[in-house]
C-alpha atoms as a PDB file:
ATOM      1  CA  MET A   1     -87.426 -51.266  42.477  1.00  0.00           C
ATOM      2  CA  ARG A   2     -89.044 -49.313  44.675  1.00  0.00           C
ATOM      3  CA  SER A   3     -87.569 -46.738  46.955  1.00  0.00           C
ATOM      4  CA  LEU A   4     -86.106 -47.410  50.347  1.00  0.00           C
ATOM      5  CA  GLU A   5     -87.513 -44.279  51.882  1.00  0.00           C
ATOM      6  CA  GLN A   6     -90.588 -44.762  51.490  1.00  0.00           C
ATOM      7  CA  PHE A   7     -90.346 -48.163  54.260  1.00  0.00           C
ATOM      8  CA  PHE A   8     -89.295 -45.448  56.769  1.00  0.00           C
ATOM      9  CA  PRO A   9     -91.744 -43.180  58.739  1.00  0.00           C
ATOM     10  CA  ALA A  10     -91.930 -39.566  58.319  1.00  0.00           C
ATOM     11  CA  ARG A  11     -91.075 -36.930  60.972  1.00  0.00           C
ATOM     12  CA  PRO A  12     -94.454 -37.253  63.001  1.00  0.00           C
ATOM     13  CA  ALA A  13     -96.238 -33.744  63.938  1.00  0.00           C
ATOM     14  CA  PRO A  14     -94.286 -31.855  67.207  1.00  0.00           C
ATOM     15  CA  GLY A  15     -96.620 -32.834  69.699  1.00  0.00           C
ATOM     16  CA  ARG A  16     -98.055 -30.800  72.983  1.00  0.00           C
ATOM     17  CA  THR A  17     -94.885 -28.501  74.316  1.00  0.00           C
ATOM     18  CA  GLY A  18     -93.514 -29.851  76.954  1.00  0.00           C
ATOM     19  CA  ASP A  19     -94.557 -32.864  77.024  1.00  0.00           C
ATOM     20  CA  ALA A  20     -92.532 -35.876  77.273  1.00  0.00           C
ATOM     21  CA  GLY A  21     -94.749 -38.810  76.550  1.00  0.00           C
ATOM     22  CA  LEU A  22     -93.872 -42.077  78.904  1.00  0.00           C
ATOM     23  CA  PHE A  23     -89.948 -41.502  79.300  1.00  0.00           C
ATOM     24  CA  GLY A  24     -88.660 -38.349  78.418  1.00  0.00           C
ATOM     25  CA  PRO A  25     -85.049 -37.114  78.023  1.00  0.00           C
ATOM     26  CA  GLY A  26     -82.238 -38.739  79.549  1.00  0.00           C
ATOM     27  CA  SER A  27     -84.350 -41.891  79.537  1.00  0.00           C
ATOM     28  CA  THR A  28     -82.583 -45.329  78.285  1.00  0.00           C
ATOM     29  CA  ALA A  29     -85.504 -46.049  76.068  1.00  0.00           C
ATOM     30  CA  TRP A  30     -84.526 -42.868  74.116  1.00  0.00           C
ATOM     31  CA  ARG A  31     -80.939 -43.512  73.884  1.00  0.00           C
ATOM     32  CA  VAL A  32     -80.938 -46.444  72.646  1.00  0.00           C
ATOM     33  CA  ALA A  33     -84.649 -46.148  70.839  1.00  0.00           C
ATOM     34  CA  ARG A  34     -83.488 -43.034  69.059  1.00  0.00           C
ATOM     35  CA  GLU A  35     -80.206 -45.481  66.894  1.00  0.00           C
ATOM     36  CA  ARG A  36     -81.282 -45.727  63.332  1.00  0.00           C
ATOM     37  CA  ILE A  37     -79.439 -48.968  63.414  1.00  0.00           C
ATOM     38  CA  VAL A  38     -81.139 -50.327  66.105  1.00  0.00           C
ATOM     39  CA  LEU A  39     -83.359 -50.935  62.763  1.00  0.00           C
ATOM     40  CA  ALA A  40     -81.056 -53.853  61.818  1.00  0.00           C
ATOM     41  CA  GLY A  41     -82.400 -55.889  64.466  1.00  0.00           C
ATOM     42  CA  GLY A  42     -85.615 -55.887  61.970  1.00  0.00           C
ATOM     43  CA  PRO A  43     -85.265 -59.481  60.464  1.00  0.00           C
ATOM     44  CA  ALA A  44     -83.993 -61.051  63.200  1.00  0.00           C
ATOM     45  CA  ALA A  45     -86.747 -59.808  65.625  1.00  0.00           C
ATOM     46  CA  LEU A  46     -89.960 -60.822  62.910  1.00  0.00           C
ATOM     47  CA  LEU A  47     -87.897 -64.230  62.345  1.00  0.00           C
ATOM     48  CA  LEU A  48     -88.630 -64.881  66.034  1.00  0.00           C
ATOM     49  CA  GLN A  49     -91.754 -63.208  66.273  1.00  0.00           C
ATOM     50  CA  VAL A  50     -92.836 -65.833  63.958  1.00  0.00           C
ATOM     51  CA  ALA A  51     -91.500 -68.596  64.776  1.00  0.00           C
ATOM     52  CA  HIS A  52     -94.023 -68.617  67.439  1.00  0.00           C
ATOM     53  CA  PRO A  53     -96.853 -70.887  65.795  1.00  0.00           C
ATOM     54  CA  LEU A  54     -99.796 -68.619  66.994  1.00  0.00           C
ATOM     55  CA  VAL A  55     -97.952 -65.343  65.990  1.00  0.00           C
ATOM     56  CA  GLY A  56     -97.393 -67.070  62.778  1.00  0.00           C
ATOM     57  CA  GLU A  57    -100.443 -68.092  62.001  1.00  0.00           C
ATOM     58  CA  GLY A  58    -101.723 -64.674  62.852  1.00  0.00           C
ATOM     59  CA  VAL A  59     -99.846 -62.411  60.736  1.00  0.00           C
ATOM     60  CA  ARG A  60    -100.295 -64.924  57.629  1.00  0.00           C
ATOM     61  CA  SER A  61    -104.343 -65.090  58.077  1.00  0.00           C
ATOM     62  CA  HIS A  62    -104.855 -61.334  59.261  1.00  0.00           C
ATOM     63  CA  SER A  63    -102.179 -59.447  57.648  1.00  0.00           C
ATOM     64  CA  ALA A  64    -101.346 -58.384  53.962  1.00  0.00           C
ATOM     65  CA  PHE A  65     -97.536 -59.086  54.863  1.00  0.00           C
ATOM     66  CA  ALA A  66     -97.075 -62.263  52.751  1.00  0.00           C
ATOM     67  CA  THR A  67     -98.083 -59.259  49.642  1.00  0.00           C
ATOM     68  CA  ASP A  68     -96.671 -56.126  51.228  1.00  0.00           C
ATOM     69  CA  PRO A  69     -94.261 -57.341  54.071  1.00  0.00           C
ATOM     70  CA  LEU A  70     -92.289 -53.541  54.159  1.00  0.00           C
ATOM     71  CA  ARG A  71     -94.998 -51.514  53.892  1.00  0.00           C
ATOM     72  CA  ARG A  72     -96.897 -52.720  56.353  1.00  0.00           C
ATOM     73  CA  LEU A  73     -92.908 -52.842  58.903  1.00  0.00           C
ATOM     74  CA  ARG A  74     -93.037 -49.591  58.088  1.00  0.00           C
ATOM     75  CA  GLY A  75     -96.698 -48.592  60.223  1.00  0.00           C
ATOM     76  CA  THR A  76     -95.532 -51.166  62.932  1.00  0.00           C
ATOM     77  CA  LEU A  77     -92.370 -49.052  63.297  1.00  0.00           C
ATOM     78  CA  ASP A  78     -93.880 -45.756  62.996  1.00  0.00           C
ATOM     79  CA  ALA A  79     -95.890 -46.851  65.777  1.00  0.00           C
ATOM     80  CA  VAL A  80     -93.467 -47.877  67.651  1.00  0.00           C
ATOM     81  CA  LEU A  81     -91.581 -45.083  67.555  1.00  0.00           C
ATOM     82  CA  THR A  82     -94.578 -42.570  68.534  1.00  0.00           C
ATOM     83  CA  VAL A  83     -95.086 -44.887  71.394  1.00  0.00           C
ATOM     84  CA  THR A  84     -91.108 -44.173  72.401  1.00  0.00           C
ATOM     85  CA  PHE A  85     -91.360 -40.889  71.814  1.00  0.00           C
ATOM     86  CA  GLY A  86     -94.628 -39.287  71.071  1.00  0.00           C
ATOM     87  CA  ASP A  87     -95.807 -37.010  73.638  1.00  0.00           C
ATOM     88  CA  LEU A  88     -99.430 -38.105  75.923  1.00  0.00           C
ATOM     89  CA  ALA A  89    -102.205 -37.150  73.344  1.00  0.00           C
ATOM     90  CA  GLN A  90     -99.796 -39.251  70.377  1.00  0.00           C
ATOM     91  CA  VAL A  91     -98.857 -42.394  72.729  1.00  0.00           C
ATOM     92  CA  ARG A  92    -102.509 -42.953  73.441  1.00  0.00           C
ATOM     93  CA  ALA A  93    -103.849 -42.262  69.688  1.00  0.00           C
ATOM     94  CA  THR A  94    -101.099 -45.115  67.977  1.00  0.00           C
ATOM     95  CA  VAL A  95    -102.266 -47.699  70.951  1.00  0.00           C
ATOM     96  CA  GLN A  96    -106.241 -47.498  70.839  1.00  0.00           C
ATOM     97  CA  HIS A  97    -105.339 -47.767  66.793  1.00  0.00           C
ATOM     98  CA  VAL A  98    -103.106 -50.321  67.329  1.00  0.00           C
ATOM     99  CA  VAL A  99    -106.031 -52.543  69.375  1.00  0.00           C
ATOM    100  CA  LEU A 100    -108.319 -51.976  67.034  1.00  0.00           C
ATOM    101  CA  ARG A 101    -106.469 -53.131  64.634  1.00  0.00           C
ATOM    102  CA  HIS A 102    -105.405 -56.423  66.498  1.00  0.00           C
ATOM    103  CA  ARG A 103    -108.929 -56.825  68.253  1.00  0.00           C
ATOM    104  CA  PRO A 104    -110.562 -58.375  64.920  1.00  0.00           C
ATOM    105  CA  VAL A 105    -107.142 -61.092  64.599  1.00  0.00           C
ATOM    106  CA  ARG A 106    -108.270 -64.623  66.465  1.00  0.00           C
ATOM    107  CA  GLY A 107    -108.667 -67.908  65.117  1.00  0.00           C
ATOM    108  CA  ALA A 108    -107.032 -71.783  65.499  1.00  0.00           C
ATOM    109  CA  LEU A 109    -104.128 -73.169  64.671  1.00  0.00           C
ATOM    110  CA  PRO A 110    -104.481 -74.983  60.985  1.00  0.00           C
ATOM    111  CA  HIS A 111    -102.150 -77.808  61.531  1.00  0.00           C
ATOM    112  CA  PRO A 112    -100.275 -79.110  64.145  1.00  0.00           C
ATOM    113  CA  SER A 113     -96.607 -77.502  65.455  1.00  0.00           C
ATOM    114  CA  ALA A 114     -93.899 -78.966  67.373  1.00  0.00           C
ATOM    115  CA  SER A 115     -94.915 -77.457  70.316  1.00  0.00           C
ATOM    116  CA  LEU A 116     -98.243 -77.190  70.053  1.00  0.00           C
ATOM    117  CA  PRO A 117    -101.525 -79.377  68.433  1.00  0.00           C
ATOM    118  CA  VAL A 118    -104.041 -78.592  65.608  1.00  0.00           C
ATOM    119  CA  GLY A 119    -106.698 -76.295  67.116  1.00  0.00           C
ATOM    120  CA  THR A 120    -105.129 -74.616  69.344  1.00  0.00           C
ATOM    121  CA  ALA A 121    -107.222 -71.060  69.319  1.00  0.00           C
ATOM    122  CA  TYR A 122    -105.358 -67.365  69.378  1.00  0.00           C
ATOM    123  CA  ARG A 123    -105.989 -64.029  69.426  1.00  0.00           C
ATOM    124  CA  ALA A 124    -103.693 -61.070  68.479  1.00  0.00           C
ATOM    125  CA  SER A 125    -104.636 -59.486  72.526  1.00  0.00           C
ATOM    126  CA  ASP A 126    -103.166 -62.650  73.635  1.00  0.00           C
ATOM    127  CA  PRO A 127    -101.351 -61.281  76.796  1.00  0.00           C
ATOM    128  CA  GLU A 128     -99.013 -63.853  76.598  1.00  0.00           C
ATOM    129  CA  LEU A 129     -98.496 -63.728  72.549  1.00  0.00           C
ATOM    130  CA  SER A 130     -97.666 -59.482  73.688  1.00  0.00           C
ATOM    131  CA  LEU A 131     -95.141 -60.931  75.494  1.00  0.00           C
ATOM    132  CA  TRP A 132     -93.242 -62.539  73.783  1.00  0.00           C
ATOM    133  CA  VAL A 133     -93.475 -60.094  70.660  1.00  0.00           C
ATOM    134  CA  PHE A 134     -92.183 -57.024  72.806  1.00  0.00           C
ATOM    135  CA  ALA A 135     -89.681 -59.777  74.109  1.00  0.00           C
ATOM    136  CA  THR A 136     -88.208 -59.861  70.469  1.00  0.00           C
ATOM    137  CA  LEU A 137     -88.349 -55.982  70.081  1.00  0.00           C
ATOM    138  CA  VAL A 138     -86.504 -55.575  73.425  1.00  0.00           C
ATOM    139  CA  TRP A 139     -83.936 -58.333  72.623  1.00  0.00           C
ATOM    140  CA  SER A 140     -83.024 -57.476  69.554  1.00  0.00           C
ATOM    141  CA  ALA A 141     -82.874 -53.640  69.683  1.00  0.00           C
ATOM    142  CA  LEU A 142     -79.993 -54.541  72.732  1.00  0.00           C
ATOM    143  CA  GLU A 143     -78.742 -57.212  70.319  1.00  0.00           C
ATOM    144  CA  VAL A 144     -78.049 -54.350  68.205  1.00  0.00           C
ATOM    145  CA  THR A 145     -76.949 -52.104  69.846  1.00  0.00           C
ATOM    146  CA  GLU A 146     -74.191 -54.120  71.792  1.00  0.00           C
ATOM    147  CA  ALA A 147     -72.484 -55.910  68.269  1.00  0.00           C
ATOM    148  CA  PHE A 148     -72.852 -52.774  65.634  1.00  0.00           C
ATOM    149  CA  LEU A 149     -72.677 -49.485  67.970  1.00  0.00           C
ATOM    150  CA  ARG A 150     -71.273 -50.122  71.662  1.00  0.00           C
ATOM    151  CA  PRO A 151     -71.068 -52.140  74.708  1.00  0.00           C
ATOM    152  CA  ILE A 152     -74.011 -52.560  77.157  1.00  0.00           C
ATOM    153  CA  THR A 153     -74.054 -53.319  80.617  1.00  0.00           C
ATOM    154  CA  ALA A 154     -75.705 -55.549  82.715  1.00  0.00           C
ATOM    155  CA  GLU A 155     -76.885 -52.228  84.424  1.00  0.00           C
ATOM    156  CA  GLU A 156     -78.020 -50.643  81.106  1.00  0.00           C
ATOM    157  CA  ARG A 157     -80.213 -53.343  79.714  1.00  0.00           C
ATOM    158  CA  ASP A 158     -81.590 -53.635  83.186  1.00  0.00           C
ATOM    159  CA  ALA A 159     -82.871 -49.742  82.609  1.00  0.00           C
ATOM    160  CA  TYR A 160     -83.724 -50.174  79.386  1.00  0.00           C
ATOM    161  CA  TYR A 161     -86.043 -53.137  80.206  1.00  0.00           C
ATOM    162  CA  HIS A 162     -87.115 -51.108  83.200  1.00  0.00           C
ATOM    163  CA  ASP A 163     -88.197 -48.241  80.905  1.00  0.00           C
ATOM    164  CA  MET A 164     -89.894 -50.312  78.399  1.00  0.00           C
ATOM    165  CA  ARG A 165     -92.152 -52.208  81.026  1.00  0.00           C
ATOM    166  CA  GLN A 166     -94.548 -48.991  80.314  1.00  0.00           C
ATOM    167  CA  PHE A 167     -94.806 -49.860  76.960  1.00  0.00           C
ATOM    168  CA  ALA A 168     -95.224 -53.986  77.562  1.00  0.00           C
ATOM    169  CA  ARG A 169     -98.376 -52.202  80.115  1.00  0.00           C
ATOM    170  CA  LEU A 170     -99.857 -50.617  76.927  1.00  0.00           C
ATOM    171  CA  PHE A 171    -100.899 -53.806  75.135  1.00  0.00           C
ATOM    172  CA  GLY A 172    -102.044 -55.484  77.342  1.00  0.00           C
ATOM    173  CA  VAL A 173     -99.143 -57.376  79.099  1.00  0.00           C
ATOM    174  CA  THR A 174     -99.891 -57.975  83.104  1.00  0.00           C
ATOM    175  CA  ASP A 175     -97.208 -57.074  85.473  1.00  0.00           C
ATOM    176  CA  ALA A 176     -98.017 -60.866  86.422  1.00  0.00           C
ATOM    177  CA  LEU A 177     -95.632 -62.081  83.218  1.00  0.00           C
ATOM    178  CA  LEU A 178     -93.168 -59.618  83.039  1.00  0.00           C
ATOM    179  CA  PRO A 179     -89.856 -61.017  84.129  1.00  0.00           C
ATOM    180  CA  ALA A 180     -88.183 -58.825  86.980  1.00  0.00           C
ATOM    181  CA  ASP A 181     -85.731 -57.998  85.366  1.00  0.00           C
ATOM    182  CA  TYR A 182     -83.658 -58.043  81.963  1.00  0.00           C
ATOM    183  CA  ALA A 183     -82.215 -61.314  82.414  1.00  0.00           C
ATOM    184  CA  GLY A 184     -85.476 -63.201  83.051  1.00  0.00           C
ATOM    185  CA  LEU A 185     -86.384 -61.693  79.794  1.00  0.00           C
ATOM    186  CA  ASP A 186     -83.111 -63.264  78.144  1.00  0.00           C
ATOM    187  CA  ARG A 187     -84.069 -67.121  80.411  1.00  0.00           C
ATOM    188  CA  TYR A 188     -88.061 -66.579  78.402  1.00  0.00           C
ATOM    189  CA  VAL A 189     -86.635 -65.716  75.322  1.00  0.00           C
ATOM    190  CA  GLU A 190     -84.182 -68.962  75.037  1.00  0.00           C
ATOM    191  CA  HIS A 191     -87.218 -70.953  76.927  1.00  0.00           C
ATOM    192  CA  HIS A 192     -89.075 -70.179  73.896  1.00  0.00           C
ATOM    193  CA  VAL A 193     -86.138 -70.894  72.004  1.00  0.00           C
ATOM    194  CA  ARG A 194     -85.981 -74.575  72.993  1.00  0.00           C
ATOM    195  CA  THR A 195     -90.123 -75.445  73.868  1.00  0.00           C
ATOM    196  CA  VAL A 196     -92.218 -73.395  71.873  1.00  0.00           C
ATOM    197  CA  LEU A 197     -90.867 -72.017  68.332  1.00  0.00           C
ATOM    198  CA  ASP A 198     -91.035 -73.767  65.919  1.00  0.00           C
ATOM    199  CA  VAL A 199     -89.829 -72.407  62.157  1.00  0.00           C
ATOM    200  CA  GLY A 200     -92.471 -74.742  60.211  1.00  0.00           C
ATOM    201  CA  PRO A 201     -93.923 -73.702  56.745  1.00  0.00           C
ATOM    202  CA  THR A 202     -96.180 -70.655  58.085  1.00  0.00           C
ATOM    203  CA  ALA A 203     -92.374 -69.464  59.754  1.00  0.00           C
ATOM    204  CA  ARG A 204     -90.833 -70.019  56.134  1.00  0.00           C
ATOM    205  CA  LEU A 205     -93.050 -68.412  53.794  1.00  0.00           C
ATOM    206  CA  ILE A 206     -93.105 -65.295  55.988  1.00  0.00           C
ATOM    207  CA  SER A 207     -89.091 -65.395  56.569  1.00  0.00           C
ATOM    208  CA  GLY A 208     -88.954 -65.577  52.360  1.00  0.00           C
ATOM    209  CA  GLN A 209     -90.502 -62.241  52.326  1.00  0.00           C
ATOM    210  CA  VAL A 210     -89.019 -60.306  54.974  1.00  0.00           C
ATOM    211  CA  LEU A 211     -85.856 -61.358  53.264  1.00  0.00           C
ATOM    212  CA  ALA A 212     -86.031 -61.241  50.050  1.00  0.00           C
ATOM    213  CA  PRO A 213     -89.116 -59.682  49.669  1.00  0.00           C
ATOM    214  CA  ASP A 214     -90.270 -59.393  45.623  1.00  0.00           C
ATOM    215  CA  PRO A 215     -90.241 -56.860  43.989  1.00  0.00           C
ATOM    216  CA  PRO A 216     -87.131 -56.109  45.664  1.00  0.00           C
ATOM    217  CA  LEU A 217     -86.098 -53.371  47.505  1.00  0.00           C
ATOM    218  CA  LEU A 218     -82.374 -53.610  47.601  1.00  0.00           C
ATOM    219  CA  ALA A 219     -79.743 -52.952  44.851  1.00  0.00           C
ATOM    220  CA  ARG A 220     -78.684 -56.442  44.104  1.00  0.00           C
ATOM    221  CA  PRO A 221     -75.335 -56.353  45.649  1.00  0.00           C
ATOM    222  CA  LEU A 222     -77.001 -55.279  48.962  1.00  0.00           C
ATOM    223  CA  ARG A 223     -79.965 -57.860  48.964  1.00  0.00           C
ATOM    224  CA  ARG A 224     -78.177 -60.482  51.135  1.00  0.00           C
ATOM    225  CA  ILE A 225     -77.778 -58.034  54.049  1.00  0.00           C
ATOM    226  CA  PRO A 226     -81.224 -58.624  55.667  1.00  0.00           C
ATOM    227  CA  SER A 227     -80.768 -62.698  55.780  1.00  0.00           C
ATOM    228  CA  LEU A 228     -76.806 -61.917  57.045  1.00  0.00           C
ATOM    229  CA  LEU A 229     -78.436 -59.452  59.655  1.00  0.00           C
ATOM    230  CA  ALA A 230     -80.543 -62.254  61.031  1.00  0.00           C
ATOM    231  CA  ALA A 231     -78.077 -65.303  60.710  1.00  0.00           C
ATOM    232  CA  GLY A 232     -75.550 -62.913  63.400  1.00  0.00           C
ATOM    233  CA  LEU A 233     -78.362 -61.740  65.081  1.00  0.00           C
ATOM    234  CA  LEU A 234     -80.901 -64.768  65.834  1.00  0.00           C
ATOM    235  CA  PRO A 235     -79.951 -67.552  68.196  1.00  0.00           C
ATOM    236  CA  PRO A 236     -77.814 -70.895  66.480  1.00  0.00           C
ATOM    237  CA  ALA A 237     -81.463 -73.349  66.550  1.00  0.00           C
ATOM    238  CA  LEU A 238     -83.556 -70.355  64.708  1.00  0.00           C
ATOM    239  CA  ARG A 239     -80.720 -69.913  63.250  1.00  0.00           C
ATOM    240  CA  GLU A 240     -80.461 -73.168  61.691  1.00  0.00           C
ATOM    241  CA  ALA A 241     -84.014 -73.803  61.747  1.00  0.00           C
ATOM    242  CA  TYR A 242     -84.255 -71.556  58.935  1.00  0.00           C
ATOM    243  CA  ALA A 243     -81.473 -72.818  56.977  1.00  0.00           C
ATOM    244  CA  LEU A 244     -79.947 -68.883  57.065  1.00  0.00           C
ATOM    245  CA  PRO A 245     -76.297 -69.755  55.879  1.00  0.00           C
ATOM    246  CA  TRP A 246     -73.132 -69.584  58.061  1.00  0.00           C
ATOM    247  CA  ARG A 247     -70.453 -69.930  56.838  1.00  0.00           C
ATOM    248  CA  GLY A 248     -67.069 -69.073  57.451  1.00  0.00           C
ATOM    249  CA  ARG A 249     -67.342 -66.046  54.274  1.00  0.00           C
ATOM    250  CA  GLU A 250     -71.131 -65.268  56.103  1.00  0.00           C
ATOM    251  CA  GLN A 251     -69.159 -64.778  59.877  1.00  0.00           C
ATOM    252  CA  VAL A 252     -66.619 -62.290  57.922  1.00  0.00           C
ATOM    253  CA  ALA A 253     -68.508 -60.458  56.511  1.00  0.00           C
ATOM    254  CA  PHE A 254     -70.593 -59.883  58.979  1.00  0.00           C
ATOM    255  CA  ALA A 255     -67.769 -59.004  61.124  1.00  0.00           C
ATOM    256  CA  VAL A 256     -66.748 -56.231  58.576  1.00  0.00           C
ATOM    257  CA  VAL A 257     -70.094 -55.205  58.261  1.00  0.00           C
ATOM    258  CA  ARG A 258     -69.922 -54.582  62.219  1.00  0.00           C
ATOM    259  CA  ARG A 259     -66.790 -52.928  62.292  1.00  0.00           C
ATOM    260  CA  MET A 260     -67.465 -50.409  59.451  1.00  0.00           C
ATOM    261  CA  VAL A 261     -70.667 -49.664  61.396  1.00  0.00           C
ATOM    262  CA  ARG A 262     -68.841 -49.495  64.795  1.00  0.00           C
ATOM    263  CA  LEU A 263     -66.527 -46.595  62.374  1.00  0.00           C
ATOM    264  CA  ALA A 264     -68.408 -44.677  60.919  1.00  0.00           C
ATOM    265  CA  ILE A 265     -71.859 -44.349  62.896  1.00  0.00           C
ATOM    266  CA  PRO A 266     -69.811 -41.664  65.217  1.00  0.00           C
ATOM    267  CA  LEU A 267     -69.484 -39.567  62.200  1.00  0.00           C
ATOM    268  CA  LEU A 268     -72.409 -39.360  60.894  1.00  0.00           C
ATOM    269  CA  PRO A 269     -74.278 -36.011  61.786  1.00  0.00           C
ATOM    270  CA  THR A 270     -77.924 -36.039  63.861  1.00  0.00           C
ATOM    271  CA  GLY A 271     -80.561 -36.310  60.945  1.00  0.00           C
ATOM    272  CA  VAL A 272     -78.852 -39.314  59.677  1.00  0.00           C
ATOM    273  CA  ARG A 273     -78.122 -40.951  63.295  1.00  0.00           C
ATOM    274  CA  TYR A 274     -81.533 -40.837  65.008  1.00  0.00           C
ATOM    275  CA  TRP A 275     -85.232 -41.201  63.605  1.00  0.00           C
ATOM    276  CA  PRO A 276     -86.775 -38.529  63.309  1.00  0.00           C
ATOM    277  CA  HIS A 277     -89.239 -39.029  65.921  1.00  0.00           C
ATOM    278  CA  TYR A 278     -86.312 -38.452  68.231  1.00  0.00           C
ATOM    279  CA  LEU A 279     -85.938 -35.305  67.075  1.00  0.00           C
ATOM    280  CA  VAL A 280     -89.153 -33.978  67.112  1.00  0.00           C
ATOM    281  CA  ALA A 281     -88.798 -35.150  71.010  1.00  0.00           C
ATOM    282  CA  ARG A 282     -86.110 -33.431  71.807  1.00  0.00           C
ATOM    283  CA  GLU A 283     -87.486 -30.113  70.533  1.00  0.00           C
ATOM    284  CA  ARG A 284     -90.230 -30.724  72.235  1.00  0.00           C
ATOM    285  CA  THR A 285     -89.039 -31.030  75.414  1.00  0.00           C
ATOM    286  CA  ALA A 286     -86.635 -27.856  74.743  1.00  0.00           C
ATOM    287  CA  ARG A 287     -83.650 -29.885  75.796  1.00  0.00           C
ATOM    288  CA  THR A 288     -80.731 -31.829  75.073  1.00  0.00           C
ATOM    289  CA  ALA A 289     -81.294 -36.150  75.433  1.00  0.00           C
ATOM    290  CA  ASP A 290     -77.651 -37.843  76.825  1.00  0.00           C
END
């Protein structure tokens, strides 16, 4: 079993002193994304993403996700954290790297899905596919914060989404595509769950590596945690489509984990509670972000 630490991004370079990057201290983006517990939404976000037939096929055909998903997840997590907390030069370099890696990712759906015919073309740079991936990240971050940390008001959801629209634009999502507010984004996610997403063979293949990687990452007593987190956070239709257990014992276990985490997080030292990217950004801007 591999060490869990090797899948967490390393402490980043300090960057240019005083450069707050995209958002800066006091932003809702920093306040939400600084929490390591947001990672608990990773399984749900990934299962939402690959349930989109075109996103799932792109991942299956053009990445090492099926053979080493957790190492790839570390790179994705590092990119998201760098764009959120890095200085402007670090943000530009990371976006350029991601765009170059995505440029050759294109193809066609090899089999029909419930919502799309065989042969439907896809490319990773498609703004509509980028919007779907972006929406899953925003949605899951807020769902995890609400479940495991603290209540979030409608105003804070809007503020976080307003901040993160800047993130989406960097990856080619146009203003014409972006919903006006978080309620609109939530409706967009619900619409996709009802009409676009399809948990077919590709989504199930990838979900197997997300929820039960081989070789295993977690000790045996903890190996059901990713599945439990996904089941507790996903919309019911997706939970059922992925056949994730959600009987009485799973619901009780999720409630217990949720309660324990909510009690524990305020007691953690900052170096454990927050991502190093946030701590470096706070030092770089020479002030405390609330």
